Amino acid sequence: MLLYKGYLDIEVDPSLDLFEEINYLKKEKNAVILAHYYQDADIQDIADYIGDSLGLAQEAQKTKADIILFAGVHFMAETAKILNPAKKVLIPDLKAGCSLADSCPPEAFAAFKAKHPDHIVLTYINCTADIKALSDVIVTSTNAVQIVESFAKDQKIIFAPDKNLGAYINKKTGRNMVLWNGTCMVHEIFSLEKLVKLKTINPNAKIIAHPECEEKILANADFIGSTTALLNYTKKNEGKEFIVLTEPGIIHQMQKASSDKIFIPAPPNNNCACNDCPHMKLNTLKKIYIALKHEQPELLMEKALLEKAKLPIVKMLELSTKFGL
């Protein structure tokens, strides 16, 4: 089977109602669309399930569909394939990668791991299958603190690839995990100076932040949590204004859940007014339609890698169930 490098660049009749066509193809092919919160609003609205990394992995594990179309980035589709080796996994654009995953090359990480032979490896799910295969347990921003705390205090741990999330976990748990020096481009470019100005202009706004942000940003937050935790906080909190320090795609769900509240995307430290993830935004309705219609591009993985990478993911899912996450 041919594995395309990007997506099928095929002409699509501009008069087509893509929402209607995609819904038809989902039923015809027994397909499910899983979408991350950072996708465009139209994609979120056509998806069967929207969530963060943990929720998406859990949904991928239990789906009965024959085809999984993953509207996210490459490592997310890999996770779906690892958990469903017999199912066809499609991704609208295989070029939808991840700057954080790219910051942790497998050969370099294997050498790093070899320097700490008495450490176990906890790896953030935002990594490639090759890195997962080198890990003992996968974690997400939802369950990382609980999983770290499930190990003995004297257990030596390597945490990869996000150093900011790792530092946050160290601070929360009192651990001293050895951190790989990786970061997410979206969460690294928030400007502290601009954030302070934005808070001055909106003094009643709550600052909510993802733990992949730098410590100087997190120090100013009223609440820190995973994407789902941020969404839930805005639903339950009595505040009416929120400055959001994560990829702004989540704001669509925040607005849908709390139409009476105001959500302000925090500005990055560049000339752009937004903080969109360029990889997430490669996916479009047109690409989803083409992928479902032609069942390409399909994500394929070698069996040996798939089986090795599955072990730490299953361990994570088991622990998440144990902790009620």
C-alpha atoms as a PDB file:
ATOM      1  CA  MET A   1       0.000   0.000   0.000  1.00  0.00           C
ATOM      2  CA  LEU A   2       1.279   3.462  -0.899  1.00  0.00           C
ATOM      3  CA  LEU A   3       1.961   5.824   1.968  1.00  0.00           C
ATOM      4  CA  TYR A   4       1.647   9.394   0.713  1.00  0.00           C
ATOM      5  CA  LYS A   5       3.975  12.072   1.999  1.00  0.00           C
ATOM      6  CA  GLY A   6       1.317  14.763   2.348  1.00  0.00           C
ATOM      7  CA  TYR A   7      -2.233  14.454   1.114  1.00  0.00           C
ATOM      8  CA  LEU A   8      -4.013  13.694  -2.143  1.00  0.00           C
ATOM      9  CA  ASP A   9      -4.196  17.024  -3.941  1.00  0.00           C
ATOM     10  CA  ILE A  10      -7.391  16.288  -5.853  1.00  0.00           C
ATOM     11  CA  GLU A  11      -9.867  18.776  -7.259  1.00  0.00           C
ATOM     12  CA  VAL A  12     -13.097  18.942  -5.296  1.00  0.00           C
ATOM     13  CA  ASP A  13     -16.350  20.337  -6.676  1.00  0.00           C
ATOM     14  CA  PRO A  14     -16.680  23.724  -4.911  1.00  0.00           C
ATOM     15  CA  SER A  15     -20.463  23.341  -4.800  1.00  0.00           C
ATOM     16  CA  LEU A  16     -20.239  20.275  -2.555  1.00  0.00           C
ATOM     17  CA  ASP A  17     -21.515  20.585   0.987  1.00  0.00           C
ATOM     18  CA  LEU A  18     -18.456  19.120   2.705  1.00  0.00           C
ATOM     19  CA  PHE A  19     -20.270  18.643   6.013  1.00  0.00           C
ATOM     20  CA  GLU A  20     -22.959  16.590   4.291  1.00  0.00           C
ATOM     21  CA  GLU A  21     -20.464  14.616   2.194  1.00  0.00           C
ATOM     22  CA  ILE A  22     -18.226  13.810   5.154  1.00  0.00           C
ATOM     23  CA  ASN A  23     -21.180  12.645   7.240  1.00  0.00           C
ATOM     24  CA  TYR A  24     -22.291  10.414   4.357  1.00  0.00           C
ATOM     25  CA  LEU A  25     -18.818   8.899   3.961  1.00  0.00           C
ATOM     26  CA  LYS A  26     -18.545   8.248   7.704  1.00  0.00           C
ATOM     27  CA  LYS A  27     -21.728   6.158   7.613  1.00  0.00           C
ATOM     28  CA  GLU A  28     -20.886   4.419   4.331  1.00  0.00           C
ATOM     29  CA  LYS A  29     -17.398   3.388   5.470  1.00  0.00           C
ATOM     30  CA  ASN A  30     -18.087   2.893   9.194  1.00  0.00           C
ATOM     31  CA  ALA A  31     -15.533   5.591   9.941  1.00  0.00           C
ATOM     32  CA  VAL A  32     -15.015   7.743  12.990  1.00  0.00           C
ATOM     33  CA  ILE A  33     -13.374  11.171  13.109  1.00  0.00           C
ATOM     34  CA  LEU A  34     -11.302  11.948  16.185  1.00  0.00           C
ATOM     35  CA  ALA A  35     -10.249  15.596  16.489  1.00  0.00           C
ATOM     36  CA  HIS A  36      -7.996  17.467  18.861  1.00  0.00           C
ATOM     37  CA  TYR A  37      -9.175  20.666  20.540  1.00  0.00           C
ATOM     38  CA  TYR A  38      -6.601  22.605  18.504  1.00  0.00           C
ATOM     39  CA  GLN A  39      -8.297  21.893  15.171  1.00  0.00           C
ATOM     40  CA  ASP A  40     -10.268  24.567  13.310  1.00  0.00           C
ATOM     41  CA  ALA A  41     -13.855  25.064  14.467  1.00  0.00           C
ATOM     42  CA  ASP A  42     -15.366  23.409  11.353  1.00  0.00           C
ATOM     43  CA  ILE A  43     -13.339  20.257  11.963  1.00  0.00           C
ATOM     44  CA  GLN A  44     -14.338  20.161  15.617  1.00  0.00           C
ATOM     45  CA  ASP A  45     -17.969  20.465  14.571  1.00  0.00           C
ATOM     46  CA  ILE A  46     -17.760  17.527  12.125  1.00  0.00           C
ATOM     47  CA  ALA A  47     -15.863  15.252  14.528  1.00  0.00           C
ATOM     48  CA  ASP A  48     -17.406  12.335  16.397  1.00  0.00           C
ATOM     49  CA  TYR A  49     -15.139  12.964  19.356  1.00  0.00           C
ATOM     50  CA  ILE A  50     -13.136  16.039  20.381  1.00  0.00           C
ATOM     51  CA  GLY A  51     -10.583  15.900  23.143  1.00  0.00           C
ATOM     52  CA  ASP A  52      -7.047  16.196  24.438  1.00  0.00           C
ATOM     53  CA  SER A  53      -4.320  13.574  24.108  1.00  0.00           C
ATOM     54  CA  LEU A  54      -5.569  11.329  26.927  1.00  0.00           C
ATOM     55  CA  GLY A  55      -9.206  11.451  25.853  1.00  0.00           C
ATOM     56  CA  LEU A  56      -8.320  10.799  22.241  1.00  0.00           C
ATOM     57  CA  ALA A  57      -6.165   7.793  23.161  1.00  0.00           C
ATOM     58  CA  GLN A  58      -8.978   6.395  25.300  1.00  0.00           C
ATOM     59  CA  GLU A  59     -11.509   6.919  22.506  1.00  0.00           C
ATOM     60  CA  ALA A  60      -9.195   5.310  19.954  1.00  0.00           C
ATOM     61  CA  GLN A  61      -8.834   2.292  22.230  1.00  0.00           C
ATOM     62  CA  LYS A  62     -12.580   1.623  22.444  1.00  0.00           C
ATOM     63  CA  THR A  63     -13.831   2.575  18.967  1.00  0.00           C
ATOM     64  CA  LYS A  64     -15.728  -0.042  16.912  1.00  0.00           C
ATOM     65  CA  ALA A  65     -15.205   1.793  13.624  1.00  0.00           C
ATOM     66  CA  ASP A  66     -13.373   0.144  10.727  1.00  0.00           C
ATOM     67  CA  ILE A  67     -11.655   3.413   9.811  1.00  0.00           C
ATOM     68  CA  ILE A  68     -10.236   6.026  12.185  1.00  0.00           C
ATOM     69  CA  LEU A  69      -9.605   9.436  10.662  1.00  0.00           C
ATOM     70  CA  PHE A  70      -7.418  11.427  13.021  1.00  0.00           C
ATOM     71  CA  ALA A  71      -7.723  15.200  12.721  1.00  0.00           C
ATOM     72  CA  GLY A  72      -4.661  16.092  14.721  1.00  0.00           C
ATOM     73  CA  VAL A  73      -0.931  15.629  14.264  1.00  0.00           C
ATOM     74  CA  HIS A  74       1.122  12.616  13.286  1.00  0.00           C
ATOM     75  CA  PHE A  75       1.966  11.241  16.743  1.00  0.00           C
ATOM     76  CA  MET A  76      -1.737  11.183  17.631  1.00  0.00           C
ATOM     77  CA  ALA A  77      -2.582   9.089  14.584  1.00  0.00           C
ATOM     78  CA  GLU A  78       0.346   6.813  15.479  1.00  0.00           C
ATOM     79  CA  THR A  79      -1.186   6.277  18.926  1.00  0.00           C
ATOM     80  CA  ALA A  80      -4.512   5.332  17.333  1.00  0.00           C
ATOM     81  CA  LYS A  81      -2.755   2.841  15.031  1.00  0.00           C
ATOM     82  CA  ILE A  82      -0.735   1.371  17.908  1.00  0.00           C
ATOM     83  CA  LEU A  83      -3.958   0.733  19.829  1.00  0.00           C
ATOM     84  CA  ASN A  84      -5.817  -0.507  16.719  1.00  0.00           C
ATOM     85  CA  PRO A  85      -3.314  -2.357  14.525  1.00  0.00           C
ATOM     86  CA  ALA A  86      -6.046  -4.075  12.491  1.00  0.00           C
ATOM     87  CA  LYS A  87      -7.932  -0.864  11.716  1.00  0.00           C
ATOM     88  CA  LYS A  88      -7.233   1.583   8.914  1.00  0.00           C
ATOM     89  CA  VAL A  89      -5.963   4.884  10.326  1.00  0.00           C
ATOM     90  CA  LEU A  90      -6.093   7.949   8.102  1.00  0.00           C
ATOM     91  CA  ILE A  91      -4.606  11.387   8.678  1.00  0.00           C
ATOM     92  CA  PRO A  92      -5.714  14.253   6.408  1.00  0.00           C
ATOM     93  CA  ASP A  93      -2.158  15.527   5.937  1.00  0.00           C
ATOM     94  CA  LEU A  94       0.859  13.445   6.925  1.00  0.00           C
ATOM     95  CA  LYS A  95       2.930  16.630   7.055  1.00  0.00           C
ATOM     96  CA  ALA A  96       1.001  17.608  10.193  1.00  0.00           C
ATOM     97  CA  GLY A  97       3.894  16.955  12.549  1.00  0.00           C
ATOM     98  CA  CYS A  98       4.796  18.373  15.950  1.00  0.00           C
ATOM     99  CA  SER A  99       7.657  20.670  16.947  1.00  0.00           C
ATOM    100  CA  LEU A 100       7.866  19.008  20.372  1.00  0.00           C
ATOM    101  CA  ALA A 101       8.046  15.506  18.907  1.00  0.00           C
ATOM    102  CA  ASP A 102      10.676  16.713  16.432  1.00  0.00           C
ATOM    103  CA  SER A 103      12.796  18.055  19.311  1.00  0.00           C
ATOM    104  CA  CYS A 104      13.478  14.498  20.511  1.00  0.00           C
ATOM    105  CA  PRO A 105      15.290  12.431  17.828  1.00  0.00           C
ATOM    106  CA  PRO A 106      15.253   8.688  18.686  1.00  0.00           C
ATOM    107  CA  GLU A 107      19.021   8.079  18.340  1.00  0.00           C
ATOM    108  CA  ALA A 108      19.898  11.070  20.509  1.00  0.00           C
ATOM    109  CA  PHE A 109      17.333  10.090  23.101  1.00  0.00           C
ATOM    110  CA  ALA A 110      18.553   6.480  23.193  1.00  0.00           C
ATOM    111  CA  ALA A 111      22.067   7.791  23.949  1.00  0.00           C
ATOM    112  CA  PHE A 112      20.636  10.103  26.644  1.00  0.00           C
ATOM    113  CA  LYS A 113      18.766   7.182  28.191  1.00  0.00           C
ATOM    114  CA  ALA A 114      21.933   5.038  28.169  1.00  0.00           C
ATOM    115  CA  LYS A 115      23.671   7.632  30.357  1.00  0.00           C
ATOM    116  CA  HIS A 116      21.059   7.047  33.082  1.00  0.00           C
ATOM    117  CA  PRO A 117      20.747   3.244  33.245  1.00  0.00           C
ATOM    118  CA  ASP A 118      19.157   3.257  36.711  1.00  0.00           C
ATOM    119  CA  HIS A 119      16.302   5.566  35.640  1.00  0.00           C
ATOM    120  CA  ILE A 120      12.869   4.630  34.345  1.00  0.00           C
ATOM    121  CA  VAL A 121      11.573   6.623  31.374  1.00  0.00           C
ATOM    122  CA  LEU A 122       8.303   8.544  31.550  1.00  0.00           C
ATOM    123  CA  THR A 123       7.487  10.146  28.239  1.00  0.00           C
ATOM    124  CA  TYR A 124       4.903  12.744  27.367  1.00  0.00           C
ATOM    125  CA  ILE A 125       2.541  11.407  24.717  1.00  0.00           C
ATOM    126  CA  ASN A 126       3.599  14.223  22.354  1.00  0.00           C
ATOM    127  CA  CYS A 127       6.405  12.134  20.901  1.00  0.00           C
ATOM    128  CA  THR A 128       7.013   9.718  18.049  1.00  0.00           C
ATOM    129  CA  ALA A 129       6.376   5.975  18.166  1.00  0.00           C
ATOM    130  CA  ASP A 130      10.158   5.451  18.229  1.00  0.00           C
ATOM    131  CA  ILE A 131      10.402   7.421  21.473  1.00  0.00           C
ATOM    132  CA  LYS A 132       7.403   5.617  22.944  1.00  0.00           C
ATOM    133  CA  ALA A 133       9.184   2.338  22.211  1.00  0.00           C
ATOM    134  CA  LEU A 134      12.085   3.546  24.393  1.00  0.00           C
ATOM    135  CA  SER A 135       9.765   4.416  27.291  1.00  0.00           C
ATOM    136  CA  ASP A 136       8.392   2.651  30.346  1.00  0.00           C
ATOM    137  CA  VAL A 137       5.204   4.676  30.751  1.00  0.00           C
ATOM    138  CA  ILE A 138       3.559   7.335  28.599  1.00  0.00           C
ATOM    139  CA  VAL A 139       1.889  10.300  30.324  1.00  0.00           C
ATOM    140  CA  THR A 140      -0.303  13.211  29.291  1.00  0.00           C
ATOM    141  CA  SER A 141      -0.724  16.628  30.857  1.00  0.00           C
ATOM    142  CA  THR A 142      -3.937  15.267  32.414  1.00  0.00           C
ATOM    143  CA  ASN A 143      -2.387  12.320  34.243  1.00  0.00           C
ATOM    144  CA  ALA A 144       1.343  13.115  34.514  1.00  0.00           C
ATOM    145  CA  VAL A 145       1.337  14.279  38.143  1.00  0.00           C
ATOM    146  CA  GLN A 146      -0.646  11.247  39.342  1.00  0.00           C
ATOM    147  CA  ILE A 147       1.534   8.804  37.416  1.00  0.00           C
ATOM    148  CA  VAL A 148       4.769  10.346  38.706  1.00  0.00           C
ATOM    149  CA  GLU A 149       3.438  10.233  42.264  1.00  0.00           C
ATOM    150  CA  SER A 150       2.547   6.546  41.849  1.00  0.00           C
ATOM    151  CA  PHE A 151       6.269   5.728  41.881  1.00  0.00           C
ATOM    152  CA  ALA A 152       8.376   5.588  45.022  1.00  0.00           C
ATOM    153  CA  LYS A 153       9.974   8.879  46.064  1.00  0.00           C
ATOM    154  CA  ASP A 154      13.437   7.474  45.507  1.00  0.00           C
ATOM    155  CA  GLN A 155      12.670   6.163  42.025  1.00  0.00           C
ATOM    156  CA  LYS A 156      14.962   7.848  39.506  1.00  0.00           C
ATOM    157  CA  ILE A 157      13.088   9.117  36.467  1.00  0.00           C
ATOM    158  CA  ILE A 158      13.879  10.522  33.037  1.00  0.00           C
ATOM    159  CA  PHE A 159      11.124  12.755  31.682  1.00  0.00           C
ATOM    160  CA  ALA A 160      10.892  13.632  27.997  1.00  0.00           C
ATOM    161  CA  PRO A 161      10.475  15.451  25.732  1.00  0.00           C
ATOM    162  CA  ASP A 162       8.940  18.656  27.185  1.00  0.00           C
ATOM    163  CA  LYS A 163      11.224  20.358  29.714  1.00  0.00           C
ATOM    164  CA  ASN A 164       8.566  22.902  30.740  1.00  0.00           C
ATOM    165  CA  LEU A 165       5.986  20.235  31.563  1.00  0.00           C
ATOM    166  CA  GLY A 166       8.708  18.245  33.311  1.00  0.00           C
ATOM    167  CA  ALA A 167       9.720  21.251  35.418  1.00  0.00           C
ATOM    168  CA  TYR A 168       6.079  21.850  36.337  1.00  0.00           C
ATOM    169  CA  ILE A 169       5.692  18.215  37.418  1.00  0.00           C
ATOM    170  CA  ASN A 170       8.915  18.397  39.450  1.00  0.00           C
ATOM    171  CA  LYS A 171       7.587  21.462  41.243  1.00  0.00           C
ATOM    172  CA  LYS A 172       4.183  19.866  41.900  1.00  0.00           C
ATOM    173  CA  THR A 173       5.560  16.546  43.131  1.00  0.00           C
ATOM    174  CA  GLY A 174       8.844  17.574  44.753  1.00  0.00           C
ATOM    175  CA  ARG A 175      10.708  15.196  42.441  1.00  0.00           C
ATOM    176  CA  ASN A 176      13.965  15.778  40.627  1.00  0.00           C
ATOM    177  CA  MET A 177      13.348  14.064  37.310  1.00  0.00           C
ATOM    178  CA  VAL A 178      16.077  14.313  34.686  1.00  0.00           C
ATOM    179  CA  LEU A 179      14.587  16.386  31.862  1.00  0.00           C
ATOM    180  CA  TRP A 180      15.141  16.128  28.130  1.00  0.00           C
ATOM    181  CA  ASN A 181      15.583  19.593  26.601  1.00  0.00           C
ATOM    182  CA  GLY A 182      12.517  19.752  24.331  1.00  0.00           C
ATOM    183  CA  THR A 183       9.738  22.324  23.952  1.00  0.00           C
ATOM    184  CA  CYS A 184       6.536  23.049  22.039  1.00  0.00           C
ATOM    185  CA  MET A 185       6.802  26.043  19.702  1.00  0.00           C
ATOM    186  CA  VAL A 186       3.226  27.134  20.485  1.00  0.00           C
ATOM    187  CA  HIS A 187       3.658  27.225  24.252  1.00  0.00           C
ATOM    188  CA  GLU A 188       7.196  28.623  24.204  1.00  0.00           C
ATOM    189  CA  ILE A 189       6.431  31.884  22.426  1.00  0.00           C
ATOM    190  CA  PHE A 190       3.968  33.463  24.830  1.00  0.00           C
ATOM    191  CA  SER A 191       5.222  36.907  25.819  1.00  0.00           C
ATOM    192  CA  LEU A 192       5.341  37.729  29.534  1.00  0.00           C
ATOM    193  CA  GLU A 193       5.483  41.458  28.799  1.00  0.00           C
ATOM    194  CA  LYS A 194       2.407  41.274  26.544  1.00  0.00           C
ATOM    195  CA  LEU A 195       0.617  39.063  29.059  1.00  0.00           C
ATOM    196  CA  VAL A 196       1.147  41.615  31.830  1.00  0.00           C
ATOM    197  CA  LYS A 197      -0.172  44.392  29.572  1.00  0.00           C
ATOM    198  CA  LEU A 198      -3.175  42.268  28.611  1.00  0.00           C
ATOM    199  CA  LYS A 199      -3.952  41.613  32.281  1.00  0.00           C
ATOM    200  CA  THR A 200      -3.680  45.360  33.000  1.00  0.00           C
ATOM    201  CA  ILE A 201      -6.225  46.080  30.274  1.00  0.00           C
ATOM    202  CA  ASN A 202      -8.464  43.216  31.495  1.00  0.00           C
ATOM    203  CA  PRO A 203      -7.961  43.257  35.293  1.00  0.00           C
ATOM    204  CA  ASN A 204     -10.898  40.926  36.005  1.00  0.00           C
ATOM    205  CA  ALA A 205      -9.750  38.230  33.582  1.00  0.00           C
ATOM    206  CA  LYS A 206      -8.520  34.902  34.951  1.00  0.00           C
ATOM    207  CA  ILE A 207      -5.224  33.734  33.427  1.00  0.00           C
ATOM    208  CA  ILE A 208      -5.379  30.034  32.525  1.00  0.00           C
ATOM    209  CA  ALA A 209      -2.342  28.190  31.157  1.00  0.00           C
ATOM    210  CA  HIS A 210      -1.205  24.835  29.853  1.00  0.00           C
ATOM    211  CA  PRO A 211       1.770  23.375  31.776  1.00  0.00           C
ATOM    212  CA  GLU A 212       3.848  23.265  28.565  1.00  0.00           C
ATOM    213  CA  CYS A 213       4.293  27.031  29.017  1.00  0.00           C
ATOM    214  CA  GLU A 214       7.482  28.432  30.533  1.00  0.00           C
ATOM    215  CA  GLU A 215       7.694  28.779  34.312  1.00  0.00           C
ATOM    216  CA  LYS A 216       7.678  32.602  34.157  1.00  0.00           C
ATOM    217  CA  ILE A 217       4.302  32.394  32.382  1.00  0.00           C
ATOM    218  CA  LEU A 218       2.897  29.756  34.734  1.00  0.00           C
ATOM    219  CA  ALA A 219       3.869  31.924  37.707  1.00  0.00           C
ATOM    220  CA  ASN A 220       1.226  34.441  36.590  1.00  0.00           C
ATOM    221  CA  ALA A 221      -1.566  31.916  36.044  1.00  0.00           C
ATOM    222  CA  ASP A 222      -4.698  31.627  38.146  1.00  0.00           C
ATOM    223  CA  PHE A 223      -5.114  28.055  36.940  1.00  0.00           C
ATOM    224  CA  ILE A 224      -2.784  25.551  35.248  1.00  0.00           C
ATOM    225  CA  GLY A 225      -4.039  22.391  33.589  1.00  0.00           C
ATOM    226  CA  SER A 226      -4.403  20.178  30.552  1.00  0.00           C
ATOM    227  CA  THR A 227      -6.532  21.353  27.648  1.00  0.00           C
ATOM    228  CA  THR A 228      -9.566  19.524  29.021  1.00  0.00           C
ATOM    229  CA  ALA A 229      -8.894  20.878  32.520  1.00  0.00           C
ATOM    230  CA  LEU A 230      -8.740  24.436  31.147  1.00  0.00           C
ATOM    231  CA  LEU A 231     -12.065  23.920  29.382  1.00  0.00           C
ATOM    232  CA  ASN A 232     -13.694  22.505  32.511  1.00  0.00           C
ATOM    233  CA  TYR A 233     -12.318  25.355  34.626  1.00  0.00           C
ATOM    234  CA  THR A 234     -13.954  27.964  32.389  1.00  0.00           C
ATOM    235  CA  LYS A 235     -17.259  26.108  32.623  1.00  0.00           C
ATOM    236  CA  LYS A 236     -17.281  25.946  36.414  1.00  0.00           C
ATOM    237  CA  ASN A 237     -15.536  29.168  37.392  1.00  0.00           C
ATOM    238  CA  GLU A 238     -17.743  32.156  38.163  1.00  0.00           C
ATOM    239  CA  GLY A 239     -15.411  34.499  36.299  1.00  0.00           C
ATOM    240  CA  LYS A 240     -16.631  36.040  33.042  1.00  0.00           C
ATOM    241  CA  GLU A 241     -13.297  36.783  31.346  1.00  0.00           C
ATOM    242  CA  PHE A 242     -10.369  34.447  30.692  1.00  0.00           C
ATOM    243  CA  ILE A 243      -6.930  34.981  29.141  1.00  0.00           C
ATOM    244  CA  VAL A 244      -6.102  31.661  27.496  1.00  0.00           C
ATOM    245  CA  LEU A 245      -2.472  30.504  27.313  1.00  0.00           C
ATOM    246  CA  THR A 246      -2.620  27.541  24.976  1.00  0.00           C
ATOM    247  CA  GLU A 247      -3.371  26.974  21.289  1.00  0.00           C
ATOM    248  CA  PRO A 248      -6.503  29.079  20.560  1.00  0.00           C
ATOM    249  CA  GLY A 249      -8.419  26.232  18.897  1.00  0.00           C
ATOM    250  CA  ILE A 250      -9.753  25.321  22.354  1.00  0.00           C
ATOM    251  CA  ILE A 251     -11.565  28.652  22.545  1.00  0.00           C
ATOM    252  CA  HIS A 252     -14.218  27.322  20.133  1.00  0.00           C
ATOM    253  CA  GLN A 253     -15.303  24.746  22.729  1.00  0.00           C
ATOM    254  CA  MET A 254     -15.044  27.289  25.539  1.00  0.00           C
ATOM    255  CA  GLN A 255     -17.353  29.659  23.698  1.00  0.00           C
ATOM    256  CA  LYS A 256     -19.819  26.870  22.900  1.00  0.00           C
ATOM    257  CA  ALA A 257     -19.922  25.819  26.548  1.00  0.00           C
ATOM    258  CA  SER A 258     -20.055  29.363  28.006  1.00  0.00           C
ATOM    259  CA  SER A 259     -21.520  31.788  25.471  1.00  0.00           C
ATOM    260  CA  ASP A 260     -21.872  34.482  28.148  1.00  0.00           C
ATOM    261  CA  LYS A 261     -18.131  34.580  28.839  1.00  0.00           C
ATOM    262  CA  ILE A 262     -15.214  36.308  27.099  1.00  0.00           C
ATOM    263  CA  PHE A 263     -12.091  34.373  26.054  1.00  0.00           C
ATOM    264  CA  ILE A 264      -8.938  36.259  25.107  1.00  0.00           C
ATOM    265  CA  PRO A 265      -6.089  34.412  23.356  1.00  0.00           C
ATOM    266  CA  ALA A 266      -2.779  35.378  24.941  1.00  0.00           C
ATOM    267  CA  PRO A 267      -0.332  37.074  22.535  1.00  0.00           C
ATOM    268  CA  PRO A 268       2.949  35.442  21.493  1.00  0.00           C
ATOM    269  CA  ASN A 269       6.364  37.045  21.526  1.00  0.00           C
ATOM    270  CA  ASN A 270       6.356  37.873  17.814  1.00  0.00           C
ATOM    271  CA  ASN A 271       4.518  40.131  15.376  1.00  0.00           C
ATOM    272  CA  CYS A 272       1.622  37.720  14.902  1.00  0.00           C
ATOM    273  CA  ALA A 273      -1.561  38.328  16.869  1.00  0.00           C
ATOM    274  CA  CYS A 274      -2.253  34.621  17.245  1.00  0.00           C
ATOM    275  CA  ASN A 275      -0.679  31.456  18.594  1.00  0.00           C
ATOM    276  CA  ASP A 276      -1.998  28.908  16.104  1.00  0.00           C
ATOM    277  CA  CYS A 277      -0.124  25.627  15.751  1.00  0.00           C
ATOM    278  CA  PRO A 278       0.868  25.540  12.058  1.00  0.00           C
ATOM    279  CA  HIS A 279       0.936  21.740  12.090  1.00  0.00           C
ATOM    280  CA  MET A 280      -2.576  21.328  13.503  1.00  0.00           C
ATOM    281  CA  LYS A 281      -3.909  23.863  11.046  1.00  0.00           C
ATOM    282  CA  LEU A 282      -2.677  21.866   8.026  1.00  0.00           C
ATOM    283  CA  ASN A 283      -5.841  19.793   8.367  1.00  0.00           C
ATOM    284  CA  THR A 284      -8.912  21.128   6.544  1.00  0.00           C
ATOM    285  CA  LEU A 285     -12.432  19.962   5.732  1.00  0.00           C
ATOM    286  CA  LYS A 286     -11.372  19.442   2.129  1.00  0.00           C
ATOM    287  CA  LYS A 287      -8.502  17.187   3.163  1.00  0.00           C
ATOM    288  CA  ILE A 288     -10.784  15.224   5.505  1.00  0.00           C
ATOM    289  CA  TYR A 289     -13.270  14.693   2.678  1.00  0.00           C
ATOM    290  CA  ILE A 290     -10.534  13.531   0.275  1.00  0.00           C
ATOM    291  CA  ALA A 291      -8.970  11.239   2.872  1.00  0.00           C
ATOM    292  CA  LEU A 292     -12.293   9.546   3.649  1.00  0.00           C
ATOM    293  CA  LYS A 293     -13.328   9.250   0.021  1.00  0.00           C
ATOM    294  CA  HIS A 294     -10.045   7.699  -1.152  1.00  0.00           C
ATOM    295  CA  GLU A 295      -8.966   6.184   2.192  1.00  0.00           C
ATOM    296  CA  GLN A 296      -5.572   7.851   1.838  1.00  0.00           C
ATOM    297  CA  PRO A 297      -3.150   8.910   3.221  1.00  0.00           C
ATOM    298  CA  GLU A 298      -3.063   5.844   5.441  1.00  0.00           C
ATOM    299  CA  LEU A 299      -0.711   5.654   8.392  1.00  0.00           C
ATOM    300  CA  LEU A 300       1.307   2.412   8.323  1.00  0.00           C
ATOM    301  CA  MET A 301       3.715   1.134  10.974  1.00  0.00           C
ATOM    302  CA  GLU A 302       6.108  -1.782  11.284  1.00  0.00           C
ATOM    303  CA  LYS A 303       4.724  -4.514  13.539  1.00  0.00           C
ATOM    304  CA  ALA A 304       7.783  -4.694  15.814  1.00  0.00           C
ATOM    305  CA  LEU A 305       7.726  -0.935  16.482  1.00  0.00           C
ATOM    306  CA  LEU A 306       3.969  -0.959  16.965  1.00  0.00           C
ATOM    307  CA  GLU A 307       4.103  -3.736  19.559  1.00  0.00           C
ATOM    308  CA  LYS A 308       6.977  -2.166  21.491  1.00  0.00           C
ATOM    309  CA  ALA A 309       5.387   1.292  21.515  1.00  0.00           C
ATOM    310  CA  LYS A 310       2.069  -0.148  22.695  1.00  0.00           C
ATOM    311  CA  LEU A 311       3.345  -1.364  26.079  1.00  0.00           C
ATOM    312  CA  PRO A 312       3.898   2.064  27.737  1.00  0.00           C
ATOM    313  CA  ILE A 313       0.636   3.423  26.255  1.00  0.00           C
ATOM    314  CA  VAL A 314      -1.373   0.517  27.683  1.00  0.00           C
ATOM    315  CA  LYS A 315       0.360   1.073  31.020  1.00  0.00           C
ATOM    316  CA  MET A 316      -0.728   4.719  30.932  1.00  0.00           C
ATOM    317  CA  LEU A 317      -4.322   3.799  30.119  1.00  0.00           C
ATOM    318  CA  GLU A 318      -4.385   1.270  32.956  1.00  0.00           C
ATOM    319  CA  LEU A 319      -3.063   3.822  35.451  1.00  0.00           C
ATOM    320  CA  SER A 320      -5.486   6.485  34.178  1.00  0.00           C
ATOM    321  CA  THR A 321      -8.388   4.109  34.789  1.00  0.00           C
ATOM    322  CA  LYS A 322      -7.016   3.323  38.250  1.00  0.00           C
ATOM    323  CA  PHE A 323      -6.860   7.037  39.089  1.00  0.00           C
ATOM    324  CA  GLY A 324     -10.325   7.695  37.630  1.00  0.00           C
ATOM    325  CA  LEU A 325      -9.037   9.961  34.858  1.00  0.00           C
END
